Amino acid sequence: MKLNNVRLLVKDYRKCFNFYTDKLGFKAVFDVGECYASFKVADGIEGLALFTSDYFAPVVGNADKSQPTDCREKSVVSFEVDNVDETYKDLLAKNVTFVNEPVDMPGWGMRVVHLRDPEENLIEFYSPLKIEQTGA
């Protein structure tokens, strides 16, 4: 078994596509108009995709249901970056809104910052802390 990608099922494909390409700087390696795209997230890795929910729902038999809103996250898409603080500053300059500011999480062994995409999917950027910063 091999992981292909994490696929976010979205309502407004174009708005999300533009966010991931224009704001986060991801490169689309496959883009099918208004319904599907996959992104290069690292050298040789296409690990994130967008798919229009209305096209996917009939396949799994729940086209009559709506997407969840106003609930706690069940997932987070997490990306390791070289420097969380630089990534934070770069994205602020692109008018990206964050949930929090960069913070050390010694128990997790990383420095993190969080934001949401246009459809409220939670995204985490992190950098590993040095051993002496973790208390280990």
Foldseek 3Di string as FASTA:
>chain_A
DDQQAAEDADAFQVQLVCCCCVQVNWDWPDDDDGAKTWTDPDVPHRHYMYGHNCVVCVVVPPNVDDDDDDDDDPDEAEDEDADQQVSVVSNVVVVFDWPDHWDDDLCVQWIWTWGAGPVRHIYIYIYGDDPVSNVD
